[in-house]
Every structure is written in structure tokens, then in C-alpha cells.
N, C-alpha and C. Protein backbone atom coordinates (compact mmCIF):
# COMPACT_ATOMS: atom_id res chain seq x y z
N UNK A 1 104.17 24.74 109.30
CA UNK A 1 105.10 25.82 109.01
C UNK A 1 106.39 25.57 109.79
N UNK A 2 107.53 25.78 109.15
CA UNK A 2 108.81 25.56 109.81
C UNK A 2 109.01 26.58 110.94
N UNK A 3 109.89 26.23 111.88
CA UNK A 3 110.17 27.12 112.99
C UNK A 3 110.71 28.47 112.54
N UNK A 4 111.58 28.46 111.52
CA UNK A 4 112.16 29.72 111.04
C UNK A 4 111.10 30.62 110.42
N UNK A 5 110.25 30.05 109.57
CA UNK A 5 109.21 30.86 108.93
C UNK A 5 108.22 31.39 109.96
N UNK A 6 107.85 30.54 110.93
CA UNK A 6 106.94 30.97 111.99
C UNK A 6 107.56 32.11 112.79
N UNK A 7 108.85 31.99 113.07
CA UNK A 7 109.55 33.02 113.84
C UNK A 7 109.55 34.35 113.09
N UNK A 8 109.88 34.32 111.80
CA UNK A 8 109.91 35.55 111.00
C UNK A 8 108.53 36.19 110.94
N UNK A 9 107.51 35.38 110.70
CA UNK A 9 106.14 35.92 110.63
C UNK A 9 105.76 36.59 111.95
N UNK A 10 106.08 35.93 113.06
CA UNK A 10 105.73 36.49 114.36
C UNK A 10 106.55 37.73 114.70
N UNK A 11 107.78 37.79 114.20
CA UNK A 11 108.60 38.99 114.41
C UNK A 11 107.90 40.19 113.80
N UNK A 12 107.40 40.06 112.58
CA UNK A 12 106.75 41.18 111.91
C UNK A 12 105.40 41.51 112.52
N UNK A 13 104.69 40.49 113.03
CA UNK A 13 103.36 40.72 113.58
C UNK A 13 103.38 41.20 115.02
N UNK A 14 104.38 40.78 115.79
CA UNK A 14 104.39 41.08 117.23
C UNK A 14 105.78 41.52 117.67
N UNK A 15 106.23 42.65 117.20
CA UNK A 15 107.60 43.11 117.44
C UNK A 15 107.92 43.37 118.90
N UNK A 16 106.91 43.65 119.73
CA UNK A 16 107.17 43.88 121.16
C UNK A 16 107.44 42.57 121.89
N UNK A 17 106.90 41.46 121.37
CA UNK A 17 107.06 40.17 122.03
C UNK A 17 108.18 39.32 121.43
N UNK A 18 108.46 39.49 120.14
CA UNK A 18 109.47 38.70 119.45
C UNK A 18 110.62 39.64 119.13
N UNK A 19 111.78 39.38 119.72
CA UNK A 19 112.88 40.34 119.65
C UNK A 19 113.84 40.18 118.50
N UNK A 20 113.68 39.14 117.65
CA UNK A 20 114.61 38.94 116.55
C UNK A 20 113.87 38.38 115.34
N UNK A 21 114.54 38.45 114.19
CA UNK A 21 113.93 37.95 112.96
C UNK A 21 114.14 36.45 112.77
N UNK A 22 115.05 35.86 113.53
CA UNK A 22 115.37 34.44 113.36
C UNK A 22 115.53 33.78 114.73
N UNK A 23 115.27 32.49 114.80
CA UNK A 23 115.49 31.78 116.06
C UNK A 23 116.97 31.83 116.45
N UNK A 24 117.25 31.63 117.72
CA UNK A 24 118.62 31.63 118.21
C UNK A 24 119.42 30.49 117.58
N UNK A 25 120.71 30.71 117.44
CA UNK A 25 121.59 29.70 116.85
C UNK A 25 121.97 28.63 117.87
N UNK A 26 122.47 27.51 117.37
CA UNK A 26 122.94 26.44 118.26
C UNK A 26 124.14 26.93 119.08
N UNK A 27 124.88 27.90 118.55
CA UNK A 27 126.04 28.44 119.27
C UNK A 27 125.58 29.28 120.47
N UNK A 28 124.53 30.06 120.26
CA UNK A 28 123.98 30.82 121.38
C UNK A 28 123.38 29.87 122.41
N UNK A 29 122.71 28.82 121.95
CA UNK A 29 122.13 27.84 122.87
C UNK A 29 123.23 27.21 123.74
N UNK A 30 124.33 26.86 123.12
CA UNK A 30 125.45 26.26 123.86
C UNK A 30 125.97 27.22 124.92
N UNK A 31 126.15 28.49 124.54
CA UNK A 31 126.63 29.51 125.49
C UNK A 31 125.64 29.74 126.62
N UNK A 32 124.35 29.76 126.30
CA UNK A 32 123.32 30.00 127.31
C UNK A 32 123.33 28.91 128.39
N UNK A 33 123.60 27.68 127.99
CA UNK A 33 123.48 26.55 128.91
C UNK A 33 124.80 26.11 129.53
N UNK A 34 125.92 26.66 129.09
CA UNK A 34 127.22 26.13 129.50
C UNK A 34 127.53 26.27 130.99
N UNK A 35 126.93 27.19 131.68
CA UNK A 35 127.23 27.37 133.11
C UNK A 35 126.21 26.68 134.03
N UNK A 36 125.26 25.98 133.45
CA UNK A 36 124.25 25.28 134.26
C UNK A 36 124.77 23.90 134.64
N UNK A 37 124.73 23.60 135.92
CA UNK A 37 125.10 22.27 136.40
C UNK A 37 123.83 21.41 136.39
N UNK A 38 123.63 20.67 135.32
CA UNK A 38 122.42 19.88 135.17
C UNK A 38 122.37 18.71 136.14
N UNK A 39 123.49 18.40 136.80
CA UNK A 39 123.45 17.31 137.79
C UNK A 39 122.79 17.76 139.09
N UNK A 40 122.73 19.08 139.31
CA UNK A 40 122.10 19.58 140.54
C UNK A 40 120.87 20.46 140.28
N UNK A 41 120.72 20.94 139.06
CA UNK A 41 119.58 21.81 138.73
C UNK A 41 118.33 20.95 138.53
N UNK A 42 117.43 20.96 139.50
CA UNK A 42 116.22 20.13 139.44
C UNK A 42 115.01 20.92 138.94
N UNK A 43 114.98 22.22 139.25
CA UNK A 43 113.86 23.06 138.82
C UNK A 43 114.44 24.18 137.95
N UNK A 44 114.09 24.13 136.67
CA UNK A 44 114.56 25.13 135.71
C UNK A 44 113.34 25.83 135.13
N UNK A 45 113.44 27.14 135.02
CA UNK A 45 112.38 27.96 134.44
C UNK A 45 112.94 28.58 133.17
N UNK A 46 112.18 28.46 132.07
CA UNK A 46 112.57 29.11 130.82
C UNK A 46 111.51 30.14 130.45
N UNK A 47 111.98 31.35 130.18
CA UNK A 47 111.09 32.46 129.83
C UNK A 47 111.26 32.81 128.36
N UNK A 48 110.17 32.78 127.61
CA UNK A 48 110.19 33.18 126.22
C UNK A 48 110.96 32.24 125.31
N UNK A 49 110.57 30.97 125.25
CA UNK A 49 111.33 30.00 124.45
C UNK A 49 111.18 30.14 122.94
N UNK A 50 110.18 30.89 122.49
CA UNK A 50 109.97 31.01 121.04
C UNK A 50 109.69 29.65 120.43
N UNK A 51 110.52 29.23 119.48
CA UNK A 51 110.33 27.95 118.80
C UNK A 51 110.98 26.78 119.53
N UNK A 52 111.59 27.03 120.68
CA UNK A 52 112.12 25.94 121.51
C UNK A 52 113.57 25.56 121.27
N UNK A 53 114.37 26.45 120.71
CA UNK A 53 115.79 26.14 120.45
C UNK A 53 116.50 25.76 121.75
N UNK A 54 116.34 26.57 122.79
CA UNK A 54 116.98 26.25 124.08
C UNK A 54 116.25 25.12 124.78
N UNK A 55 114.94 25.09 124.65
CA UNK A 55 114.11 24.08 125.31
C UNK A 55 114.58 22.68 124.94
N UNK A 56 114.82 22.44 123.67
CA UNK A 56 115.28 21.12 123.21
C UNK A 56 116.58 20.73 123.90
N UNK A 57 117.51 21.67 123.97
CA UNK A 57 118.82 21.39 124.60
C UNK A 57 118.68 21.16 126.10
N UNK A 58 117.79 21.92 126.74
CA UNK A 58 117.57 21.75 128.18
C UNK A 58 116.99 20.37 128.45
N UNK A 59 116.00 19.96 127.67
CA UNK A 59 115.36 18.65 127.86
C UNK A 59 116.38 17.53 127.68
N UNK A 60 117.29 17.67 126.72
CA UNK A 60 118.35 16.66 126.50
C UNK A 60 119.21 16.49 127.75
N UNK A 61 119.47 17.58 128.47
CA UNK A 61 120.38 17.56 129.61
C UNK A 61 119.67 17.45 130.95
N UNK A 62 118.38 17.66 130.99
CA UNK A 62 117.60 17.68 132.23
C UNK A 62 117.65 16.32 132.91
N UNK A 63 117.88 16.33 134.22
CA UNK A 63 117.94 15.07 134.96
C UNK A 63 116.58 14.37 134.94
N UNK A 64 116.55 13.06 135.12
CA UNK A 64 115.29 12.31 135.09
C UNK A 64 114.25 12.82 136.08
N UNK A 65 114.70 13.37 137.20
CA UNK A 65 113.76 13.89 138.20
C UNK A 65 113.64 15.42 138.14
N UNK A 66 114.16 16.01 137.06
CA UNK A 66 114.09 17.46 136.89
C UNK A 66 112.75 17.91 136.35
N UNK A 67 112.50 19.22 136.50
CA UNK A 67 111.27 19.83 136.00
C UNK A 67 111.66 21.10 135.26
N UNK A 68 111.04 21.30 134.09
CA UNK A 68 111.26 22.50 133.30
C UNK A 68 109.92 23.20 133.12
N UNK A 69 109.78 24.40 133.69
CA UNK A 69 108.59 25.22 133.49
C UNK A 69 108.90 26.21 132.38
N UNK A 70 108.09 26.18 131.32
CA UNK A 70 108.33 26.99 130.13
C UNK A 70 107.20 28.00 129.99
N UNK A 71 107.54 29.29 130.03
CA UNK A 71 106.56 30.38 129.92
C UNK A 71 106.61 31.00 128.52
N UNK A 72 105.51 30.93 127.80
CA UNK A 72 105.42 31.53 126.47
C UNK A 72 104.06 32.19 126.31
N UNK A 73 104.04 33.46 125.92
CA UNK A 73 102.79 34.20 125.71
C UNK A 73 102.27 34.12 124.28
N UNK A 74 103.17 33.98 123.33
CA UNK A 74 102.80 33.99 121.93
C UNK A 74 102.01 32.72 121.58
N UNK A 75 100.80 32.89 121.04
CA UNK A 75 99.93 31.76 120.72
C UNK A 75 100.55 30.79 119.71
N UNK A 76 101.13 31.32 118.65
CA UNK A 76 101.72 30.46 117.61
C UNK A 76 102.87 29.63 118.16
N UNK A 77 103.75 30.28 118.92
CA UNK A 77 104.87 29.55 119.51
C UNK A 77 104.38 28.50 120.50
N UNK A 78 103.38 28.86 121.31
CA UNK A 78 102.86 27.91 122.30
C UNK A 78 102.27 26.68 121.61
N UNK A 79 101.52 26.90 120.53
CA UNK A 79 100.95 25.76 119.80
C UNK A 79 102.05 24.85 119.25
N UNK A 80 103.12 25.44 118.76
CA UNK A 80 104.24 24.66 118.24
C UNK A 80 104.91 23.87 119.37
N UNK A 81 105.12 24.51 120.52
CA UNK A 81 105.74 23.85 121.66
C UNK A 81 104.88 22.68 122.15
N UNK A 82 103.56 22.88 122.21
CA UNK A 82 102.65 21.83 122.67
C UNK A 82 102.72 20.59 121.78
N UNK A 83 102.90 20.80 120.50
CA UNK A 83 103.00 19.67 119.57
C UNK A 83 104.29 18.89 119.77
N UNK A 84 105.36 19.59 120.10
CA UNK A 84 106.67 18.95 120.19
C UNK A 84 106.99 18.37 121.56
N UNK A 85 106.65 19.07 122.62
CA UNK A 85 107.12 18.67 123.95
C UNK A 85 106.04 17.93 124.73
N UNK A 86 106.14 16.61 124.69
CA UNK A 86 105.20 15.73 125.39
C UNK A 86 105.85 15.13 126.64
N UNK A 87 107.09 15.49 126.90
CA UNK A 87 107.85 14.97 128.04
C UNK A 87 107.17 15.40 129.33
N UNK A 88 106.88 14.46 130.26
CA UNK A 88 106.19 14.83 131.51
C UNK A 88 107.01 15.77 132.41
N UNK A 89 108.31 15.89 132.16
CA UNK A 89 109.14 16.81 132.95
C UNK A 89 108.97 18.25 132.50
N UNK A 90 108.35 18.47 131.33
CA UNK A 90 108.18 19.81 130.76
C UNK A 90 106.75 20.29 131.01
N UNK A 91 106.64 21.43 131.68
CA UNK A 91 105.35 22.04 131.97
C UNK A 91 105.26 23.33 131.15
N UNK A 92 104.40 23.30 130.14
CA UNK A 92 104.22 24.46 129.26
C UNK A 92 103.17 25.38 129.85
N UNK A 93 103.52 26.65 129.99
CA UNK A 93 102.64 27.63 130.62
C UNK A 93 102.39 28.78 129.65
N UNK A 94 101.14 28.95 129.28
CA UNK A 94 100.75 30.01 128.34
C UNK A 94 100.32 31.23 129.16
N UNK A 95 101.32 31.87 129.75
CA UNK A 95 101.04 33.00 130.64
C UNK A 95 102.30 33.86 130.77
N UNK A 96 102.17 34.95 131.47
CA UNK A 96 103.25 35.92 131.62
C UNK A 96 104.33 35.44 132.59
N UNK A 97 105.55 35.84 132.30
CA UNK A 97 106.69 35.54 133.16
C UNK A 97 106.56 36.21 134.53
N UNK A 98 105.67 37.16 134.65
CA UNK A 98 105.45 37.82 135.93
C UNK A 98 104.83 36.87 136.97
N UNK A 99 104.35 35.73 136.52
CA UNK A 99 103.62 34.80 137.39
C UNK A 99 104.39 33.53 137.70
N UNK A 100 105.71 33.59 137.66
CA UNK A 100 106.52 32.40 137.91
C UNK A 100 106.20 31.79 139.27
N UNK A 101 106.20 32.62 140.31
CA UNK A 101 105.95 32.12 141.66
C UNK A 101 104.62 31.40 141.78
N UNK A 102 103.61 31.95 141.17
CA UNK A 102 102.27 31.36 141.18
C UNK A 102 102.29 29.95 140.58
N UNK A 103 102.98 29.79 139.46
CA UNK A 103 103.02 28.49 138.79
C UNK A 103 103.95 27.50 139.48
N UNK A 104 104.99 27.99 140.13
CA UNK A 104 105.81 27.08 140.94
C UNK A 104 104.94 26.46 142.03
N UNK A 105 104.18 27.30 142.74
CA UNK A 105 103.30 26.81 143.81
C UNK A 105 102.27 25.83 143.27
N UNK A 106 101.63 26.18 142.14
CA UNK A 106 100.62 25.30 141.54
C UNK A 106 101.17 23.91 141.24
N UNK A 107 102.47 23.84 140.98
CA UNK A 107 103.09 22.57 140.63
C UNK A 107 103.87 21.96 141.80
N UNK A 108 103.63 22.47 143.01
CA UNK A 108 104.25 21.90 144.21
C UNK A 108 105.74 22.15 144.32
N UNK A 109 106.20 23.23 143.73
CA UNK A 109 107.62 23.57 143.76
C UNK A 109 107.80 24.86 144.55
N UNK A 110 108.93 24.97 145.24
CA UNK A 110 109.13 26.17 146.05
C UNK A 110 110.06 27.19 145.40
N UNK A 111 111.19 26.75 144.91
CA UNK A 111 112.19 27.66 144.33
C UNK A 111 112.79 27.05 143.07
N UNK A 112 113.38 27.91 142.25
CA UNK A 112 114.05 27.46 141.03
C UNK A 112 115.56 27.45 141.23
N UNK A 113 116.20 26.51 140.57
CA UNK A 113 117.67 26.42 140.59
C UNK A 113 118.28 27.27 139.48
N UNK A 114 117.52 27.42 138.38
CA UNK A 114 118.00 28.17 137.22
C UNK A 114 116.82 28.84 136.52
N UNK A 115 117.04 30.07 136.08
CA UNK A 115 116.07 30.75 135.22
C UNK A 115 116.83 31.14 133.95
N UNK A 116 116.27 30.74 132.81
CA UNK A 116 116.85 31.05 131.51
C UNK A 116 115.87 31.93 130.76
N UNK A 117 116.32 33.12 130.37
CA UNK A 117 115.40 34.06 129.74
C UNK A 117 115.86 34.48 128.35
N UNK A 118 114.93 34.37 127.42
CA UNK A 118 115.13 34.88 126.06
C UNK A 118 114.23 36.08 125.81
N UNK A 119 113.64 36.59 126.86
CA UNK A 119 112.71 37.72 126.70
C UNK A 119 113.43 38.94 126.16
N UNK A 120 112.84 39.64 125.20
CA UNK A 120 113.47 40.84 124.65
C UNK A 120 113.26 42.03 125.59
N UNK A 121 114.02 42.07 126.67
CA UNK A 121 113.83 43.10 127.70
C UNK A 121 113.88 44.52 127.13
N UNK A 122 114.68 44.73 126.12
CA UNK A 122 114.80 46.08 125.52
C UNK A 122 113.47 46.55 124.92
N UNK A 123 112.60 45.62 124.58
CA UNK A 123 111.30 45.98 123.99
C UNK A 123 110.23 46.25 125.03
N UNK A 124 110.50 45.95 126.28
CA UNK A 124 109.49 46.04 127.33
C UNK A 124 109.53 47.39 128.03
N UNK A 125 108.37 47.87 128.48
CA UNK A 125 108.36 49.07 129.33
C UNK A 125 109.14 48.76 130.62
N UNK A 126 109.76 49.79 131.18
CA UNK A 126 110.60 49.62 132.38
C UNK A 126 109.85 48.91 133.50
N UNK A 127 108.60 49.26 133.72
CA UNK A 127 107.80 48.67 134.80
C UNK A 127 107.66 47.14 134.62
N UNK A 128 107.37 46.68 133.43
CA UNK A 128 107.22 45.25 133.16
C UNK A 128 108.56 44.54 133.28
N UNK A 129 109.60 45.12 132.71
CA UNK A 129 110.95 44.56 132.78
C UNK A 129 111.35 44.35 134.24
N UNK A 130 111.13 45.35 135.08
CA UNK A 130 111.51 45.25 136.48
C UNK A 130 110.67 44.23 137.24
N UNK A 131 109.38 44.12 136.92
CA UNK A 131 108.54 43.11 137.58
C UNK A 131 109.01 41.69 137.25
N UNK A 132 109.38 41.46 136.01
CA UNK A 132 109.86 40.14 135.60
C UNK A 132 111.19 39.82 136.26
N UNK A 133 112.10 40.77 136.28
CA UNK A 133 113.41 40.55 136.92
C UNK A 133 113.25 40.33 138.42
N UNK A 134 112.39 41.11 139.05
CA UNK A 134 112.15 40.97 140.49
C UNK A 134 111.55 39.59 140.80
N UNK A 135 110.56 39.18 140.02
CA UNK A 135 109.92 37.88 140.22
C UNK A 135 110.92 36.75 140.00
N UNK A 136 111.75 36.88 138.99
CA UNK A 136 112.78 35.87 138.73
C UNK A 136 113.71 35.75 139.92
N UNK A 137 114.16 36.88 140.44
CA UNK A 137 115.07 36.89 141.59
C UNK A 137 114.41 36.26 142.82
N UNK A 138 113.17 36.61 143.07
CA UNK A 138 112.48 36.13 144.28
C UNK A 138 112.23 34.63 144.28
N UNK A 139 112.05 34.02 143.13
CA UNK A 139 111.71 32.59 143.10
C UNK A 139 112.96 31.69 143.05
N UNK A 140 114.14 32.30 143.05
CA UNK A 140 115.37 31.52 142.94
C UNK A 140 115.95 31.16 144.30
N UNK A 141 116.55 29.97 144.39
CA UNK A 141 117.33 29.58 145.56
C UNK A 141 118.52 30.52 145.69
N UNK A 142 119.10 30.59 146.89
CA UNK A 142 120.35 31.33 147.05
C UNK A 142 121.39 30.69 146.14
N UNK A 143 122.17 31.50 145.49
CA UNK A 143 123.23 31.08 144.57
C UNK A 143 122.70 30.44 143.28
N UNK A 144 121.40 30.53 143.03
CA UNK A 144 120.84 30.01 141.78
C UNK A 144 121.34 30.87 140.62
N UNK A 145 121.23 30.32 139.42
CA UNK A 145 121.74 30.98 138.22
C UNK A 145 120.60 31.58 137.39
N UNK A 146 120.77 32.83 136.99
CA UNK A 146 119.87 33.50 136.06
C UNK A 146 120.68 33.75 134.80
N UNK A 147 120.19 33.28 133.65
CA UNK A 147 120.87 33.47 132.37
C UNK A 147 119.93 34.21 131.43
N UNK A 148 120.42 35.29 130.87
CA UNK A 148 119.62 36.15 129.99
C UNK A 148 120.46 36.51 128.78
N UNK A 149 119.88 36.45 127.58
CA UNK A 149 120.62 37.00 126.45
C UNK A 149 119.89 38.22 125.92
N UNK A 150 120.68 39.13 125.34
CA UNK A 150 120.17 40.35 124.74
C UNK A 150 121.09 40.70 123.57
N UNK A 151 120.59 41.57 122.70
CA UNK A 151 121.39 41.97 121.54
C UNK A 151 122.18 43.23 121.79
N UNK A 152 122.06 43.78 122.99
CA UNK A 152 122.84 44.96 123.36
C UNK A 152 123.08 44.88 124.87
N UNK A 153 123.78 45.87 125.38
CA UNK A 153 124.03 45.93 126.82
C UNK A 153 123.04 46.87 127.53
N UNK A 154 121.96 47.25 126.84
CA UNK A 154 120.98 48.18 127.40
C UNK A 154 120.34 47.68 128.70
N UNK A 155 120.18 46.39 128.86
CA UNK A 155 119.50 45.84 130.04
C UNK A 155 120.43 45.65 131.23
N UNK A 156 121.72 45.89 131.05
CA UNK A 156 122.69 45.63 132.11
C UNK A 156 122.33 46.33 133.43
N UNK A 157 121.98 47.60 133.35
CA UNK A 157 121.65 48.36 134.56
C UNK A 157 120.42 47.77 135.27
N UNK A 158 119.38 47.42 134.50
CA UNK A 158 118.18 46.82 135.09
C UNK A 158 118.49 45.48 135.75
N UNK A 159 119.23 44.65 135.06
CA UNK A 159 119.57 43.31 135.60
C UNK A 159 120.42 43.45 136.85
N UNK A 160 121.36 44.38 136.82
CA UNK A 160 122.28 44.61 137.96
C UNK A 160 121.52 45.06 139.22
N UNK A 161 120.35 45.66 139.06
CA UNK A 161 119.54 46.05 140.23
C UNK A 161 119.12 44.83 141.05
N UNK A 162 118.95 43.70 140.40
CA UNK A 162 118.44 42.51 141.06
C UNK A 162 119.51 41.45 141.28
N UNK A 163 120.52 41.43 140.43
CA UNK A 163 121.57 40.42 140.51
C UNK A 163 122.92 41.12 140.60
N UNK A 164 123.50 41.10 141.79
CA UNK A 164 124.75 41.84 142.02
C UNK A 164 125.95 41.14 141.39
N UNK A 165 125.92 39.81 141.33
CA UNK A 165 127.03 39.06 140.73
C UNK A 165 126.68 38.76 139.28
N UNK A 166 127.43 39.37 138.39
CA UNK A 166 127.12 39.26 136.97
C UNK A 166 128.39 39.07 136.15
N UNK A 167 128.30 38.19 135.17
CA UNK A 167 129.37 37.98 134.20
C UNK A 167 128.70 38.09 132.82
N UNK A 168 129.38 38.73 131.89
CA UNK A 168 128.80 38.91 130.55
C UNK A 168 129.72 38.26 129.52
N UNK A 169 129.12 37.46 128.65
CA UNK A 169 129.84 36.85 127.53
C UNK A 169 129.23 37.37 126.23
N UNK A 170 129.87 37.05 125.14
CA UNK A 170 129.40 37.52 123.84
C UNK A 170 129.56 36.40 122.82
N UNK A 171 128.60 36.26 121.94
CA UNK A 171 128.75 35.33 120.83
C UNK A 171 128.43 36.05 119.52
N UNK A 172 129.41 36.14 118.63
CA UNK A 172 129.16 36.75 117.33
C UNK A 172 128.45 35.79 116.37
N UNK A 173 128.44 34.49 116.74
CA UNK A 173 127.87 33.47 115.86
C UNK A 173 126.38 33.28 116.17
N UNK A 174 125.64 34.33 115.92
CA UNK A 174 124.19 34.35 116.08
C UNK A 174 123.70 35.52 115.24
N UNK A 175 122.45 35.48 114.82
CA UNK A 175 121.91 36.62 114.07
C UNK A 175 120.74 37.20 114.83
N UNK A 176 120.88 38.42 115.35
CA UNK A 176 122.12 39.20 115.45
C UNK A 176 123.03 38.65 116.55
N UNK A 177 124.30 39.09 116.57
CA UNK A 177 125.20 38.68 117.66
C UNK A 177 124.58 39.01 119.02
N UNK A 178 124.95 38.23 120.04
CA UNK A 178 124.25 38.38 121.32
C UNK A 178 125.20 38.43 122.51
N UNK A 179 124.74 39.15 123.55
CA UNK A 179 125.41 39.18 124.85
C UNK A 179 124.66 38.22 125.77
N UNK A 180 125.41 37.48 126.56
CA UNK A 180 124.81 36.54 127.51
C UNK A 180 125.18 37.01 128.92
N UNK A 181 124.17 37.22 129.74
CA UNK A 181 124.35 37.62 131.13
C UNK A 181 124.21 36.38 132.00
N UNK A 182 125.24 36.06 132.78
CA UNK A 182 125.18 34.99 133.77
C UNK A 182 125.14 35.67 135.13
N UNK A 183 124.08 35.49 135.87
CA UNK A 183 123.92 36.19 137.13
C UNK A 183 123.62 35.20 138.26
N UNK A 184 124.14 35.51 139.42
CA UNK A 184 123.88 34.71 140.62
C UNK A 184 123.13 35.54 141.64
N UNK A 185 122.23 34.88 142.33
CA UNK A 185 121.45 35.55 143.37
C UNK A 185 122.36 35.84 144.54
């Protein structure tokens, strides 16, 4: 099954976990990654990759000694990712984003340089949203980058609780159009 069809099917079946009807556009992917310094980012964490639109771009730019930890809960998406990503730098984790610290330790890593999130925070209960944001903040190096996209500005207040330095961009060339939050610890 193609990535687009799989995405649409999962959107209808699991609306709390899949936040859109279509995978992210290449334009959103470019915006999401444009502030990451791949020459210094050695440990990158991706939350909610879906069909891997951002994952592919990250792997293209990831340094030879870099590590990408990818957290995906959806079974269908995880199976698709496992088939595609055989790169030893990519660690696929079929578990909740609340456990980032646990998996960093399991893999001999202490902190992340960048966290990229596609999680549909607007669909999550406040308690879960805050646990994920708190965990993301705690596992990051000082001055590390947190990048999150959303289809509205509803999550701004929650994100601002954990990341005081925030810049917001917008891309209309996505379905639906998206806001990108660039945050520094």
C-alpha cells in the first residue's frame, strides 16, 4: 500500500494518533529541518514520523556518526518504516514519546541535540501533551533545538511552558497549512 493511502486509512481509523489526512509535504519537511545544523547535531530524536517524510530527509543530511531515534506508536506506520529504514544510524522505536530518556540510555546516549515532533498535540489530553513536552525538554542539551509543527497555534501556550525561546513560521504549501515552532532550551 502506498504511503498516502496508508496515511488516509490510518487517519480515519486512529484520529487521536494521526493528525492529518495526508502525509506532510516536501515544503513542510524543508521548513522543519532548515534550522538544524546537521554538522553538529549528532543525536536527533523524531517523534511521530508517520510514513517517514521527514525521516528520509533527516537520514540524507545526518552525519556519518549521527544517530536518529524514531518513535512511532502506530503499528502500520512502524511496519512501513521497518521495511524502508535499514540504515544502522536509524533506531526505530515502537513506543511512546514519553520514554525518550529511557531509550537514550538503552542506546548509550545521554542527551539529544535536536527533537523533531510531528505529534498532533491538539489531539492529546493535556496531561499527555505536557509529559511529552517535559520529557523532550529534559533530554535535550542546553541550547538544543526542538521543532514541532501543528495546524493551529493552540499548542503555543503548552510549548511555551517548557521552551522560553520560541520562533514560529508558517507554510501554506501543505495540506492543511502548518505552523512550525522552533524552540531552544
